[in-house]
Amino acid sequence: MMIAEDFDSEVYDTSLDKFKTYEEYLDSHITKEDLFYLEDIELARQLKEQGYHAKTEILSREQFEAKKKAVEEARLNQNKDKTKALAHTEVSDPSIIEKSPFLRALAERELKVLNGKLLTIIFIRLESTNCEVSGYIDYAHRLKTEDFKIYFEGKKKLQPRPTDLSYYNWRTGQCVSNDSPNFKVDANSGQQGLLFRNKRDRKVINVDPNKKPEDGMTRTEIESPEAIQIVLYDYYTRKK
């Protein structure tokens, strides 16, 4: 099955386009006052990278390069055929999807998510290489920035990345959160826990399992061999 896909400029963070290197990015956060007291550009960069006297959150080198790469790949994809096949319809062995409750759930949502009618946040916790990781994934964002055929064919497991909405490494304690094109992350909401605000209609998605889903949202737990725990948060969008 084929769908018409238009490039959405809001999906990609182009704010880093003006920086060719990570050092240029750090320099943009260094003030004349910093240089006056430190008298050393390299030292000033090191301090900014560690977040000292920064007025905004400073990206790590890994985060900076990941965001730049995502935009570059998106622009390359923009130049390709605007008609895109649904990934789950292109697999050579459909039985792989049928045998997996998780892949089946993703396949059922793919068209609506790509058409913008549905937003799905995937919570997944699984054993990765030598460690356990968990996180929240903006399904729409990942669908538009990578080829999901490899997942639907069972050749690779979908897992959270440090560039997703939320990522936690249970061995190292690394904890990262990022806004996506569809959601703004509120990780400082006190007792309310982690919240995701839909950028289109500003509706707040509360992923607390003890909270009853609000109108327009459903919470679905899925038992599947790919992961220890999987929860899908579906939200039917409302245009402003």
Protein backbone atom coordinates (compact mmCIF):
# COMPACT_ATOMS: atom_id res chain seq x y z
CA MET A 1 0.00 0.00 0.00
CA MET A 2 1.31 3.45 -0.92
CA ILE A 3 0.64 6.76 0.79
CA ALA A 4 1.43 10.29 -0.29
CA GLU A 5 3.95 11.80 2.09
CA ASP A 6 4.76 15.49 2.27
CA PHE A 7 7.82 16.85 3.97
CA ASP A 8 6.93 18.57 7.26
CA SER A 9 9.48 21.24 8.11
CA GLU A 10 8.30 21.23 11.73
CA VAL A 11 9.33 17.61 12.17
CA TYR A 12 13.02 18.42 12.11
CA ASP A 13 15.06 20.68 14.37
CA THR A 14 16.92 22.97 11.98
CA SER A 15 18.14 25.37 14.67
CA LEU A 16 21.60 23.78 14.50
CA ASP A 17 22.01 24.39 10.76
CA LYS A 18 24.09 27.52 11.35
CA PHE A 19 26.72 25.54 13.25
CA LYS A 20 29.14 23.50 11.13
CA THR A 21 30.89 22.05 14.19
CA TYR A 22 30.17 21.36 17.85
CA GLU A 23 32.81 23.96 18.76
CA GLU A 24 30.88 26.63 16.84
CA TYR A 25 27.76 25.62 18.75
CA LEU A 26 29.58 25.99 22.09
CA ASP A 27 31.05 29.34 21.00
CA SER A 28 27.53 30.69 20.48
CA HIS A 29 26.92 30.25 24.21
CA ILE A 30 30.17 31.92 25.29
CA THR A 31 29.83 35.59 26.27
CA LYS A 32 32.38 38.41 26.22
CA GLU A 33 32.27 38.29 30.01
CA ASP A 34 33.22 34.60 29.97
CA LEU A 35 36.28 35.34 27.82
CA PHE A 36 37.19 38.36 29.92
CA TYR A 37 37.49 36.27 33.08
CA LEU A 38 38.74 33.00 31.60
CA GLU A 39 41.01 34.38 28.85
CA ASP A 40 40.99 30.93 27.24
CA ILE A 41 38.50 29.88 24.56
CA GLU A 42 39.16 26.16 25.06
CA LEU A 43 38.52 26.40 28.80
CA ALA A 44 35.38 28.40 28.14
CA ARG A 45 34.14 25.68 25.78
CA GLN A 46 34.83 22.95 28.32
CA LEU A 47 32.90 24.80 31.02
CA LYS A 48 29.96 25.46 28.70
CA GLU A 49 29.88 21.82 27.64
CA GLN A 50 29.57 20.90 31.31
CA GLY A 51 26.74 23.38 31.72
CA TYR A 52 28.49 25.98 33.86
CA HIS A 53 26.90 29.47 33.67
CA ALA A 54 24.72 28.34 30.78
CA LYS A 55 21.38 30.12 30.39
CA THR A 56 19.93 27.21 28.41
CA GLU A 57 20.50 23.46 28.36
CA ILE A 58 23.70 22.63 26.48
CA LEU A 59 23.67 19.63 24.18
CA SER A 60 26.40 17.05 24.56
CA ARG A 61 28.57 16.36 21.54
CA GLU A 62 26.65 13.11 20.97
CA GLN A 63 23.27 14.87 21.11
CA PHE A 64 24.48 17.65 18.80
CA GLU A 65 25.78 15.20 16.19
CA ALA A 66 22.65 13.03 16.44
CA LYS A 67 20.36 16.00 15.81
CA LYS A 68 22.49 17.20 12.89
CA LYS A 69 22.47 13.72 11.40
CA ALA A 70 18.68 13.42 11.73
CA VAL A 71 18.16 16.66 9.79
CA GLU A 72 20.66 15.65 7.12
CA GLU A 73 18.97 12.29 6.61
CA ALA A 74 15.56 13.96 6.49
CA ARG A 75 16.68 16.31 3.74
CA LEU A 76 18.10 13.43 1.74
CA ASN A 77 14.79 11.61 2.08
CA GLN A 78 12.97 14.76 0.97
CA ASN A 79 14.63 14.49 -2.41
CA LYS A 80 13.38 10.95 -2.88
CA ASP A 81 10.01 9.89 -4.21
CA LYS A 82 7.24 11.59 -2.25
CA THR A 83 5.18 8.41 -2.41
CA LYS A 84 6.12 6.07 0.38
CA ALA A 85 5.05 2.49 0.94
CA LEU A 86 3.81 1.41 4.34
CA ALA A 87 6.73 -0.47 5.83
CA HIS A 88 4.66 -3.34 7.19
CA THR A 89 3.23 -4.08 3.72
CA GLU A 90 6.70 -4.48 2.20
CA VAL A 91 7.94 -7.40 4.30
CA SER A 92 8.70 -10.68 2.55
CA ASP A 93 7.20 -12.79 5.35
CA PRO A 94 4.01 -11.27 6.87
CA SER A 95 3.79 -14.13 9.38
CA ILE A 96 6.59 -12.46 11.38
CA ILE A 97 4.23 -9.57 12.12
CA GLU A 98 1.30 -11.87 12.86
CA LYS A 99 3.34 -13.81 15.42
CA SER A 100 4.35 -10.66 17.31
CA PRO A 101 1.67 -8.75 19.26
CA PHE A 102 3.97 -5.71 19.34
CA LEU A 103 4.72 -5.62 15.60
CA ARG A 104 1.06 -6.26 14.87
CA ALA A 105 0.07 -3.27 17.01
CA LEU A 106 2.62 -1.05 15.25
CA ALA A 107 1.41 -2.20 11.83
CA GLU A 108 -2.21 -1.46 12.73
CA ARG A 109 -1.27 2.11 13.65
CA GLU A 110 1.25 2.90 10.89
CA LEU A 111 -1.13 4.47 8.34
CA LYS A 112 -3.01 6.65 10.83
CA VAL A 113 0.26 7.81 12.42
CA LEU A 114 1.83 8.73 9.07
CA ASN A 115 -1.34 10.56 8.03
CA GLY A 116 -1.26 12.61 11.22
CA LYS A 117 -4.60 11.35 12.50
CA LEU A 118 -3.01 9.50 15.40
CA LEU A 119 -0.03 10.12 17.67
CA THR A 120 1.43 7.17 19.52
CA ILE A 121 3.99 7.22 22.30
CA ILE A 122 5.71 3.88 22.78
CA PHE A 123 7.07 2.98 26.20
CA ILE A 124 9.43 0.05 25.95
CA ARG A 125 11.76 -1.65 28.41
CA LEU A 126 14.08 -4.36 27.15
CA GLU A 127 17.43 -6.05 27.42
CA SER A 128 19.91 -4.33 25.12
CA THR A 129 23.62 -5.11 24.66
CA ASN A 130 24.93 -5.97 28.14
CA CYS A 131 22.34 -3.77 29.84
CA GLU A 132 18.68 -2.98 30.32
CA VAL A 133 17.24 0.18 28.76
CA SER A 134 13.84 1.83 28.72
CA GLY A 135 12.29 4.93 27.26
CA TYR A 136 9.45 6.70 25.52
CA ILE A 137 9.45 6.90 21.72
CA ASP A 138 7.48 9.26 19.46
CA TYR A 139 6.33 6.67 16.90
CA ALA A 140 5.48 9.28 14.25
CA HIS A 141 8.91 10.88 14.46
CA ARG A 142 10.75 7.57 14.19
CA LEU A 143 8.54 6.45 11.28
CA LYS A 144 9.41 9.59 9.35
CA THR A 145 13.15 9.44 10.01
CA GLU A 146 13.97 5.77 9.51
CA ASP A 147 12.88 2.70 7.56
CA PHE A 148 10.71 0.49 9.77
CA LYS A 149 10.83 -2.43 7.36
CA ILE A 150 13.84 -3.82 9.22
CA TYR A 151 11.74 -3.96 12.42
CA PHE A 152 8.69 -5.48 10.74
CA GLU A 153 10.91 -8.15 9.20
CA GLY A 154 12.23 -9.05 12.65
CA LYS A 155 15.83 -8.30 11.67
CA LYS A 156 16.22 -5.67 14.38
CA LYS A 157 14.47 -4.82 17.64
CA LEU A 158 12.96 -1.41 18.14
CA GLN A 159 14.55 0.16 21.19
CA PRO A 160 14.80 3.63 22.74
CA ARG A 161 17.72 5.89 21.91
CA PRO A 162 19.23 8.86 23.78
CA THR A 163 17.60 11.08 21.13
CA ASP A 164 14.05 9.85 21.84
CA LEU A 165 11.50 11.52 24.13
CA SER A 166 13.02 9.73 27.09
CA TYR A 167 15.87 7.26 27.55
CA TYR A 168 17.17 5.47 30.66
CA ASN A 169 20.09 3.07 30.93
CA TRP A 170 19.57 0.90 33.99
CA ARG A 171 23.25 -0.05 34.26
CA THR A 172 24.91 3.35 33.91
CA GLY A 173 22.04 5.46 35.23
CA GLN A 174 22.11 7.65 32.10
CA CYS A 175 18.84 9.53 31.89
CA VAL A 176 18.00 11.77 28.92
CA SER A 177 14.85 13.53 27.73
CA ASN A 178 14.26 15.44 24.50
CA ASP A 179 11.41 17.28 22.87
CA SER A 180 10.22 15.76 19.59
CA PRO A 181 8.46 17.42 16.66
CA ASN A 182 5.11 16.36 18.18
CA PHE A 183 5.70 16.53 21.93
CA LYS A 184 7.30 18.79 24.50
CA VAL A 185 8.67 16.91 27.51
CA ASP A 186 7.88 18.13 31.02
CA ALA A 187 10.29 16.21 33.23
CA ASN A 188 10.02 18.67 36.13
CA SER A 189 6.38 18.27 37.00
CA GLY A 190 6.86 17.29 40.62
CA GLN A 191 4.60 14.52 41.84
CA GLN A 192 2.85 14.31 38.48
CA GLY A 193 5.77 12.42 36.97
CA LEU A 194 6.74 12.56 33.31
CA LEU A 195 4.35 14.50 31.07
CA PHE A 196 4.27 15.01 27.31
CA ARG A 197 2.55 18.06 25.84
CA ASN A 198 1.18 17.74 22.32
CA LYS A 199 2.61 20.68 20.34
CA ARG A 200 -0.41 20.83 18.04
CA ASP A 201 -3.23 21.33 20.54
CA ARG A 202 -1.17 21.57 23.78
CA LYS A 203 -3.01 18.62 25.29
CA VAL A 204 -1.00 17.00 28.11
CA ILE A 205 -0.39 13.26 27.91
CA ASN A 206 0.11 11.80 31.39
CA VAL A 207 1.83 8.39 31.21
CA ASP A 208 1.31 7.62 34.90
CA PRO A 209 -0.24 4.10 34.98
CA ASN A 210 -2.24 5.10 38.06
CA LYS A 211 -3.95 7.94 36.20
CA LYS A 212 -7.06 7.35 34.13
CA PRO A 213 -6.46 8.23 30.45
CA GLU A 214 -8.17 11.46 29.43
CA ASP A 215 -10.63 11.83 26.57
CA GLY A 216 -9.07 11.06 23.22
CA MET A 217 -6.29 8.96 24.70
CA THR A 218 -5.95 5.23 25.32
CA ARG A 219 -3.32 3.20 27.16
CA THR A 220 -2.60 -0.32 25.90
CA GLU A 221 -0.23 -2.78 27.54
CA ILE A 222 1.24 -5.40 25.23
CA GLU A 223 2.93 -8.65 26.16
CA SER A 224 5.38 -9.57 23.45
CA PRO A 225 8.68 -11.50 23.33
CA GLU A 226 10.62 -8.46 22.07
CA ALA A 227 10.64 -6.68 25.42
CA ILE A 228 10.15 -6.87 29.17
CA GLN A 229 7.40 -4.25 29.09
CA ILE A 230 5.57 -2.42 26.31
CA VAL A 231 2.86 0.22 26.66
CA LEU A 232 1.30 2.20 23.80
CA TYR A 233 -0.26 5.60 24.47
CA ASP A 234 -2.55 6.54 21.58
CA TYR A 235 -3.86 10.03 21.11
CA TYR A 236 -6.18 11.16 18.31
CA THR A 237 -5.04 14.65 17.44
CA ARG A 238 -7.18 17.75 17.32
CA LYS A 239 -6.12 20.54 14.99
CA LYS A 240 -5.96 24.01 16.48
